[in-house]
PDB file of N, CA and C in Angstrom:
ATOM      1  N   MET A   1      29.085 101.665 133.533  1.00  0.00           N
ATOM      2  CA  MET A   1      29.670 100.037 133.826  1.00  0.00           C
ATOM      3  C   MET A   1      31.032 101.126 133.717  1.00  0.00           C
ATOM      4  N   ARG A   2      32.425 100.269 134.405  1.00  0.00           N
ATOM      5  CA  ARG A   2      33.973 100.602 135.034  1.00  0.00           C
ATOM      6  C   ARG A   2      34.026  99.646 133.993  1.00  0.00           C
ATOM      7  N   GLY A   3      35.772 100.698 133.389  1.00  0.00           N
ATOM      8  CA  GLY A   3      36.125 100.265 132.615  1.00  0.00           C
ATOM      9  C   GLY A   3      35.697  99.836 130.540  1.00  0.00           C
ATOM     10  N   VAL A   4      34.367  99.885 130.461  1.00  0.00           N
ATOM     11  CA  VAL A   4      33.654  99.410 128.859  1.00  0.00           C
ATOM     12  C   VAL A   4      34.009 100.980 128.477  1.00  0.00           C
ATOM     13  N   LYS A   5      34.125 100.710 127.588  1.00  0.00           N
ATOM     14  CA  LYS A   5      34.217 102.111 126.660  1.00  0.00           C
ATOM     15  C   LYS A   5      32.909 102.068 125.887  1.00  0.00           C
ATOM     16  N   SER A   6      33.197 103.423 125.842  1.00  0.00           N
ATOM     17  CA  SER A   6      31.746 104.080 124.671  1.00  0.00           C
ATOM     18  C   SER A   6      32.074 103.954 123.299  1.00  0.00           C
ATOM     19  N   ILE A   7      30.920 103.803 122.732  1.00  0.00           N
ATOM     20  CA  ILE A   7      30.882 103.961 121.555  1.00  0.00           C
ATOM     21  C   ILE A   7      31.696 104.750 120.882  1.00  0.00           C
ATOM     22  N   ARG A   8      31.605 105.974 121.373  1.00  0.00           N
ATOM     23  CA  ARG A   8      32.594 107.296 121.211  1.00  0.00           C
ATOM     24  C   ARG A   8      34.180 106.568 121.092  1.00  0.00           C
ATOM     25  N   GLN A   9      34.718 106.432 122.317  1.00  0.00           N
ATOM     26  CA  GLN A   9      35.903 105.517 122.567  1.00  0.00           C
ATOM     27  C   GLN A   9      35.875 104.419 121.153  1.00  0.00           C
ATOM     28  N   LEU A  10      35.138 103.694 121.166  1.00  0.00           N
ATOM     29  CA  LEU A  10      35.227 102.165 120.458  1.00  0.00           C
ATOM     30  C   LEU A  10      35.416 102.393 119.148  1.00  0.00           C
ATOM     31  N   GLY A  11      35.057 103.363 118.638  1.00  0.00           N
ATOM     32  CA  GLY A  11      35.058 103.904 117.484  1.00  0.00           C
ATOM     33  C   GLY A  11      35.881 104.319 116.835  1.00  0.00           C
ATOM     34  N   VAL A  12      36.729 104.913 117.464  1.00  0.00           N
ATOM     35  CA  VAL A  12      38.640 105.894 117.437  1.00  0.00           C
ATOM     36  C   VAL A  12      39.473 104.292 117.292  1.00  0.00           C
ATOM     37  N   GLU A  13      39.177 103.209 118.264  1.00  0.00           N
ATOM     38  CA  GLU A  13      39.451 102.165 117.971  1.00  0.00           C
ATOM     39  C   GLU A  13      39.562 101.023 116.772  1.00  0.00           C
ATOM     40  N   LEU A  14      38.289 100.985 116.312  1.00  0.00           N
ATOM     41  CA  LEU A  14      37.821 100.534 115.430  1.00  0.00           C
ATOM     42  C   LEU A  14      38.119 100.939 114.311  1.00  0.00           C
ATOM     43  N   ALA A  15      38.169 102.903 114.114  1.00  0.00           N
ATOM     44  CA  ALA A  15      38.511 103.171 112.595  1.00  0.00           C
ATOM     45  C   ALA A  15      39.946 102.626 112.323  1.00  0.00           C
ATOM     46  N   GLU A  16      40.673 102.701 113.065  1.00  0.00           N
ATOM     47  CA  GLU A  16      41.994 102.476 112.778  1.00  0.00           C
ATOM     48  C   GLU A  16      42.137 101.368 112.536  1.00  0.00           C
ATOM     49  N   LYS A  17      41.752 100.493 113.435  1.00  0.00           N
ATOM     50  CA  LYS A  17      41.651  98.740 112.633  1.00  0.00           C
ATOM     51  C   LYS A  17      41.429  98.789 111.020  1.00  0.00           C
ATOM     52  N   HIS A  18      39.914  99.606 110.520  1.00  0.00           N
ATOM     53  CA  HIS A  18      39.421  99.518 109.407  1.00  0.00           C
ATOM     54  C   HIS A  18      39.705 100.557 108.389  1.00  0.00           C
ATOM     55  N   GLY A  19      40.823 100.738 109.316  1.00  0.00           N
ATOM     56  CA  GLY A  19      40.774 102.024 107.725  1.00  0.00           C
ATOM     57  C   GLY A  19      39.746 103.403 107.501  1.00  0.00           C
ATOM     58  N   THR A  20      38.967 103.179 108.352  1.00  0.00           N
ATOM     59  CA  THR A  20      38.043 104.707 108.054  1.00  0.00           C
ATOM     60  C   THR A  20      37.981 105.387 109.288  1.00  0.00           C
ATOM     61  N   THR A  21      36.993 106.460 109.470  1.00  0.00           N
ATOM     62  CA  THR A  21      36.735 107.295 109.848  1.00  0.00           C
ATOM     63  C   THR A  21      36.458 107.107 111.397  1.00  0.00           C
ATOM     64  N   ALA A  22      36.717 107.763 112.792  1.00  0.00           N
ATOM     65  CA  ALA A  22      36.305 107.344 114.168  1.00  0.00           C
ATOM     66  C   ALA A  22      34.391 107.851 113.363  1.00  0.00           C
ATOM     67  N   GLU A  23      33.894 109.177 112.471  1.00  0.00           N
ATOM     68  CA  GLU A  23      32.940 109.181 112.460  1.00  0.00           C
ATOM     69  C   GLU A  23      32.129 108.104 112.061  1.00  0.00           C
ATOM     70  N   TYR A  24      32.950 107.980 111.107  1.00  0.00           N
ATOM     71  CA  TYR A  24      31.857 106.378 110.402  1.00  0.00           C
ATOM     72  C   TYR A  24      31.489 105.085 111.197  1.00  0.00           C
ATOM     73  N   ALA A  25      32.977 105.296 112.072  1.00  0.00           N
ATOM     74  CA  ALA A  25      32.810 103.625 112.927  1.00  0.00           C
ATOM     75  C   ALA A  25      31.660 103.785 114.361  1.00  0.00           C
ATOM     76  N   GLN A  26      31.633 105.019 114.819  1.00  0.00           N
ATOM     77  CA  GLN A  26      30.374 105.691 115.861  1.00  0.00           C
ATOM     78  C   GLN A  26      29.366 105.343 115.511  1.00  0.00           C
ATOM     79  N   ARG A  27      29.135 105.963 113.893  1.00  0.00           N
ATOM     80  CA  ARG A  27      27.485 105.955 113.252  1.00  0.00           C
ATOM     81  C   ARG A  27      27.107 104.867 113.258  1.00  0.00           C
ATOM     82  N   THR A  28      28.181 104.301 112.283  1.00  0.00           N
ATOM     83  CA  THR A  28      27.560 102.907 112.072  1.00  0.00           C
ATOM     84  C   THR A  28      27.565 101.745 113.296  1.00  0.00           C
ATOM     85  N   VAL A  29      27.945 101.762 114.924  1.00  0.00           N
ATOM     86  CA  VAL A  29      27.298 100.826 115.412  1.00  0.00           C
ATOM     87  C   VAL A  29      26.697 101.287 116.317  1.00  0.00           C
ATOM     88  N   ARG A  30      26.142 102.635 116.433  1.00  0.00           N
ATOM     89  CA  ARG A  30      25.259 104.035 117.356  1.00  0.00           C
ATOM     90  C   ARG A  30      24.149 103.412 115.878  1.00  0.00           C
ATOM     91  N   ALA A  31      24.053 103.345 115.080  1.00  0.00           N
ATOM     92  CA  ALA A  31      23.188 102.829 113.887  1.00  0.00           C
ATOM     93  C   ALA A  31      22.367 101.535 114.631  1.00  0.00           C
ATOM     94  N   TYR A  32      23.461 100.393 114.275  1.00  0.00           N
ATOM     95  CA  TYR A  32      22.998  99.319 114.298  1.00  0.00           C
ATOM     96  C   TYR A  32      22.671  99.082 115.378  1.00  0.00           C
ATOM     97  N   PHE A  33      22.874  99.361 116.826  1.00  0.00           N
ATOM     98  CA  PHE A  33      22.330  99.183 117.921  1.00  0.00           C
ATOM     99  C   PHE A  33      21.085  99.816 118.633  1.00  0.00           C
ATOM    100  N   GLY A  34      20.921 101.312 118.307  1.00  0.00           N
ATOM    101  CA  GLY A  34      19.754 102.255 117.786  1.00  0.00           C
ATOM    102  C   GLY A  34      18.280 101.168 117.062  1.00  0.00           C
ATOM    103  N   ARG A  35      18.972 100.280 115.995  1.00  0.00           N
ATOM    104  CA  ARG A  35      17.729  99.808 115.331  1.00  0.00           C
ATOM    105  C   ARG A  35      16.612  98.958 115.741  1.00  0.00           C
ATOM    106  N   LEU A  36      17.890  97.851 116.969  1.00  0.00           N
ATOM    107  CA  LEU A  36      16.832  97.153 117.825  1.00  0.00           C
ATOM    108  C   LEU A  36      16.933  97.198 118.905  1.00  0.00           C
ATOM    109  N   HIS A  37      16.326  96.259 119.838  1.00  0.00           N
ATOM    110  CA  HIS A  37      15.720  96.733 120.921  1.00  0.00           C
ATOM    111  C   HIS A  37      16.020  96.644 122.037  1.00  0.00           C
ATOM    112  N   ALA A  38      15.939  98.291 122.514  1.00  0.00           N
ATOM    113  CA  ALA A  38      17.153  98.398 123.926  1.00  0.00           C
ATOM    114  C   ALA A  38      17.391  97.561 125.130  1.00  0.00           C
ATOM    115  N   LEU A  39      16.052  96.340 124.827  1.00  0.00           N
ATOM    116  CA  LEU A  39      16.734  95.490 126.039  1.00  0.00           C
ATOM    117  C   LEU A  39      16.936  94.474 125.479  1.00  0.00           C
ATOM    118  N   ARG A  40      17.476  93.923 124.050  1.00  0.00           N
ATOM    119  CA  ARG A  40      17.986  93.326 123.869  1.00  0.00           C
ATOM    120  C   ARG A  40      19.500  92.974 124.531  1.00  0.00           C
ATOM    121  N   THR A  41      20.361  91.576 124.599  1.00  0.00           N
ATOM    122  CA  THR A  41      22.034  91.987 124.702  1.00  0.00           C
ATOM    123  C   THR A  41      22.599  91.706 123.900  1.00  0.00           C
ATOM    124  N   VAL A  42      23.970  91.905 124.441  1.00  0.00           N
ATOM    125  CA  VAL A  42      24.905  91.762 123.420  1.00  0.00           C
ATOM    126  C   VAL A  42      25.218  90.866 122.953  1.00  0.00           C
ATOM    127  N   GLY A  43      24.475  89.896 124.552  1.00  0.00           N
ATOM    128  CA  GLY A  43      24.631  88.097 124.221  1.00  0.00           C
ATOM    129  C   GLY A  43      23.859  88.142 122.834  1.00  0.00           C
ATOM    130  N   TRP A  44      22.527  88.085 123.088  1.00  0.00           N
ATOM    131  CA  TRP A  44      21.469  88.072 121.503  1.00  0.00           C
ATOM    132  C   TRP A  44      22.417  88.561 120.474  1.00  0.00           C
ATOM    133  N   CYS A  45      22.738  89.677 120.288  1.00  0.00           N
ATOM    134  CA  CYS A  45      23.340  89.679 119.394  1.00  0.00           C
ATOM    135  C   CYS A  45      25.001  88.868 118.268  1.00  0.00           C
ATOM    136  N   LYS A  46      25.641  87.925 119.670  1.00  0.00           N
ATOM    137  CA  LYS A  46      26.987  87.467 119.330  1.00  0.00           C
ATOM    138  C   LYS A  46      25.923  86.822 118.470  1.00  0.00           C
ATOM    139  N   GLN A  47      25.003  85.827 119.275  1.00  0.00           N
ATOM    140  CA  GLN A  47      24.168  84.951 119.297  1.00  0.00           C
ATOM    141  C   GLN A  47      23.706  84.394 117.941  1.00  0.00           C
ATOM    142  N   MET A  48      23.191  86.017 117.121  1.00  0.00           N
ATOM    143  CA  MET A  48      22.323  85.963 116.159  1.00  0.00           C
ATOM    144  C   MET A  48      23.241  85.668 114.548  1.00  0.00           C
ATOM    145  N   ARG A  49      24.563  86.380 115.731  1.00  0.00           N
ATOM    146  CA  ARG A  49      25.728  86.588 114.360  1.00  0.00           C
ATOM    147  C   ARG A  49      26.399  85.620 113.990  1.00  0.00           C
ATOM    148  N   ALA A  50      26.186  84.573 115.167  1.00  0.00           N
ATOM    149  CA  ALA A  50      27.278  83.069 114.975  1.00  0.00           C
ATOM    150  C   ALA A  50      26.048  82.359 114.590  1.00  0.00           C
ATOM    151  N   LEU A  51      24.854  81.997 114.806  1.00  0.00           N
ATOM    152  CA  LEU A  51      24.270  81.627 113.377  1.00  0.00           C
ATOM    153  C   LEU A  51      23.530  81.793 111.831  1.00  0.00           C
ATOM    154  N   ASN A  52      23.635  83.359 111.815  1.00  0.00           N
ATOM    155  CA  ASN A  52      24.148  83.853 110.934  1.00  0.00           C
ATOM    156  C   ASN A  52      24.806  84.146 110.196  1.00  0.00           C
ATOM    157  N   PRO A  53      26.433  83.205 110.037  1.00  0.00           N
ATOM    158  CA  PRO A  53      26.947  83.681 109.793  1.00  0.00           C
ATOM    159  C   PRO A  53      26.980  84.555 108.314  1.00  0.00           C
ATOM    160  N   ILE A  54      28.232  85.463 107.927  1.00  0.00           N
ATOM    161  CA  ILE A  54      28.251  86.320 106.717  1.00  0.00           C
ATOM    162  C   ILE A  54      29.392  86.268 106.138  1.00  0.00           C
ATOM    163  N   GLU A  55      29.814  85.619 104.522  1.00  0.00           N
ATOM    164  CA  GLU A  55      31.175  86.051 104.140  1.00  0.00           C
ATOM    165  C   GLU A  55      30.784  87.123 103.475  1.00  0.00           C
ATOM    166  N   ASN A  56      32.548  87.407 103.794  1.00  0.00           N
ATOM    167  CA  ASN A  56      32.901  88.362 102.675  1.00  0.00           C
ATOM    168  C   ASN A  56      32.621  89.888 103.588  1.00  0.00           C
ATOM    169  N   PRO A  57      32.114  89.857 104.764  1.00  0.00           N
ATOM    170  CA  PRO A  57      30.854  91.345 105.584  1.00  0.00           C
ATOM    171  C   PRO A  57      31.872  92.409 104.382  1.00  0.00           C
ATOM    172  N   SER A  58      30.652  93.233 104.705  1.00  0.00           N
ATOM    173  CA  SER A  58      31.415  94.666 104.412  1.00  0.00           C
ATOM    174  C   SER A  58      31.808  95.807 105.435  1.00  0.00           C
ATOM    175  N   LYS A  59      32.913  96.985 105.325  1.00  0.00           N
ATOM    176  CA  LYS A  59      33.592  97.232 106.146  1.00  0.00           C
ATOM    177  C   LYS A  59      32.126  97.663 107.093  1.00  0.00           C
ATOM    178  N   ALA A  60      31.939  97.793 106.843  1.00  0.00           N
ATOM    179  CA  ALA A  60      30.530  98.119 108.724  1.00  0.00           C
ATOM    180  C   ALA A  60      30.322  97.507 109.236  1.00  0.00           C
ATOM    181  N   LEU A  61      29.862  95.779 108.360  1.00  0.00           N
ATOM    182  CA  LEU A  61      29.836  95.188 109.103  1.00  0.00           C
ATOM    183  C   LEU A  61      30.642  94.044 109.798  1.00  0.00           C
ATOM    184  N   SER A  62      31.679  94.811 109.415  1.00  0.00           N
ATOM    185  CA  SER A  62      33.190  94.250 110.391  1.00  0.00           C
ATOM    186  C   SER A  62      33.391  95.187 111.195  1.00  0.00           C
ATOM    187  N   ILE A  63      32.846  96.177 111.587  1.00  0.00           N
ATOM    188  CA  ILE A  63      32.874  97.148 112.404  1.00  0.00           C
ATOM    189  C   ILE A  63      31.417  96.665 113.201  1.00  0.00           C
ATOM    190  N   ILE A  64      30.631  96.187 113.425  1.00  0.00           N
ATOM    191  CA  ILE A  64      29.602  95.975 113.597  1.00  0.00           C
ATOM    192  C   ILE A  64      30.323  94.716 115.098  1.00  0.00           C
ATOM    193  N   LEU A  65      30.677  94.161 113.551  1.00  0.00           N
ATOM    194  CA  LEU A  65      30.499  92.768 114.845  1.00  0.00           C
ATOM    195  C   LEU A  65      31.764  92.493 115.316  1.00  0.00           C
ATOM    196  N   ASP A  66      33.002  93.748 115.290  1.00  0.00           N
ATOM    197  CA  ASP A  66      34.666  93.851 116.367  1.00  0.00           C
ATOM    198  C   ASP A  66      33.434  94.172 117.511  1.00  0.00           C
ATOM    199  N   ALA A  67      32.548  95.377 117.234  1.00  0.00           N
ATOM    200  CA  ALA A  67      31.812  95.959 118.801  1.00  0.00           C
ATOM    201  C   ALA A  67      31.127  95.293 119.411  1.00  0.00           C
ATOM    202  N   VAL A  68      30.294  94.062 118.652  1.00  0.00           N
ATOM    203  CA  VAL A  68      29.604  93.528 119.682  1.00  0.00           C
ATOM    204  C   VAL A  68      30.377  92.327 120.136  1.00  0.00           C
ATOM    205  N   ALA A  69      31.581  91.646 119.400  1.00  0.00           N
ATOM    206  CA  ALA A  69      32.708  91.056 120.640  1.00  0.00           C
ATOM    207  C   ALA A  69      33.183  91.983 121.293  1.00  0.00           C
ATOM    208  N   TYR A  70      33.226  93.704 121.333  1.00  0.00           N
ATOM    209  CA  TYR A  70      33.673  93.602 122.237  1.00  0.00           C
ATOM    210  C   TYR A  70      32.905  93.969 123.941  1.00  0.00           C
ATOM    211  N   TYR A  71      31.482  93.893 124.354  1.00  0.00           N
ATOM    212  CA  TYR A  71      30.495  94.729 124.963  1.00  0.00           C
ATOM    213  C   TYR A  71      30.443  93.175 125.416  1.00  0.00           C
ATOM    214  N   PRO A  72      30.281  93.130 126.990  1.00  0.00           N
ATOM    215  CA  PRO A  72      30.124  92.248 127.491  1.00  0.00           C
ATOM    216  C   PRO A  72      28.533  91.702 127.330  1.00  0.00           C
ATOM    217  N   GLU A  73      28.538  90.246 126.877  1.00  0.00           N
ATOM    218  CA  GLU A  73      27.621  89.465 126.909  1.00  0.00           C
ATOM    219  C   GLU A  73      26.044  90.432 127.961  1.00  0.00           C
ATOM    220  N   ASN A  74      26.132  90.536 128.702  1.00  0.00           N
ATOM    221  CA  ASN A  74      25.028  90.781 130.194  1.00  0.00           C
ATOM    222  C   ASN A  74      24.466  92.295 129.521  1.00  0.00           C
ATOM    223  N   LEU A  75      25.021  93.317 129.161  1.00  0.00           N
ATOM    224  CA  LEU A  75      24.650  94.469 128.884  1.00  0.00           C
ATOM    225  C   LEU A  75      23.728  94.366 127.372  1.00  0.00           C
ATOM    226  N   THR A  76      23.017  95.463 127.653  1.00  0.00           N
ATOM    227  CA  THR A  76      21.471  95.216 126.856  1.00  0.00           C
ATOM    228  C   THR A  76      22.238  96.088 126.344  1.00  0.00           C
ATOM    229  N   LEU A  77      21.659  96.529 124.982  1.00  0.00           N
ATOM    230  CA  LEU A  77      21.842  97.126 123.857  1.00  0.00           C
ATOM    231  C   LEU A  77      21.615  99.213 124.654  1.00  0.00           C
ATOM    232  N   GLY A  78      20.840  99.032 124.802  1.00  0.00           N
ATOM    233  CA  GLY A  78      19.816 100.826 125.714  1.00  0.00           C
ATOM    234  C   GLY A  78      21.425 100.408 126.697  1.00  0.00           C
ATOM    235  N   ASP A  79      22.078  99.535 127.310  1.00  0.00           N
ATOM    236  CA  ASP A  79      23.172 100.163 128.219  1.00  0.00           C
ATOM    237  C   ASP A  79      24.159 100.827 127.663  1.00  0.00           C
ATOM    238  N   VAL A  80      24.549  99.815 126.321  1.00  0.00           N
ATOM    239  CA  VAL A  80      25.880 100.526 125.649  1.00  0.00           C
ATOM    240  C   VAL A  80      25.688 101.785 124.652  1.00  0.00           C
ATOM    241  N   LEU A  81      24.317 101.697 124.436  1.00  0.00           N
ATOM    242  CA  LEU A  81      23.834 103.310 123.995  1.00  0.00           C
ATOM    243  C   LEU A  81      24.487 104.581 125.068  1.00  0.00           C
ATOM    244  N   ALA A  82      24.132 104.343 126.251  1.00  0.00           N
ATOM    245  CA  ALA A  82      23.667 105.459 127.046  1.00  0.00           C
ATOM    246  C   ALA A  82      25.311 105.128 128.354  1.00  0.00           C
ATOM    247  N   LEU A  83      26.044 104.617 127.203  1.00  0.00           N
ATOM    248  CA  LEU A  83      27.933 104.874 128.245  1.00  0.00           C
ATOM    249  C   LEU A  83      28.220 105.690 128.240  1.00  0.00           C
ATOM    250  N   LYS A  84      28.236 106.476 129.096  1.00  0.00           N
ATOM    251  CA  LYS A  84      29.404 107.239 129.169  1.00  0.00           C
ATOM    252  C   LYS A  84      30.799 107.130 128.937  1.00  0.00           C
ATOM    253  N   ASP A  85      32.028 108.161 128.293  1.00  0.00           N
ATOM    254  CA  ASP A  85      33.131 108.259 128.390  1.00  0.00           C
ATOM    255  C   ASP A  85      33.980 107.214 129.419  1.00  0.00           C
ATOM    256  N   VAL A  86      35.363 106.850 129.382  1.00  0.00           N
ATOM    257  CA  VAL A  86      35.691 106.652 130.834  1.00  0.00           C
ATOM    258  C   VAL A  86      36.640 107.215 130.634  1.00  0.00           C
ATOM    259  N   SER A  87      37.422 107.675 132.176  1.00  0.00           N
ATOM    260  CA  SER A  87      38.056 108.313 132.486  1.00  0.00           C
ATOM    261  C   SER A  87      39.425 107.594 132.046  1.00  0.00           C
TER     262      SER A  87
END
């Protein structure tokens, strides 16, 4: 998908925002998306977060919430995991 950042690229941005390392942010997002079924959509993740809000989320959960908010709703989690770096 053109113009959508890979987890690696998004991890760098999220690390700066949340004051952590890029590797930690990337591992966190990849682990979360990897645990769910690959055919689930990002929209489903957004809906689950909206139905189950968490007060005072941890740093890892804050990174996951920002990653879910970034990706388009129609992408499957398998698509997100398979994204290559954009030039």
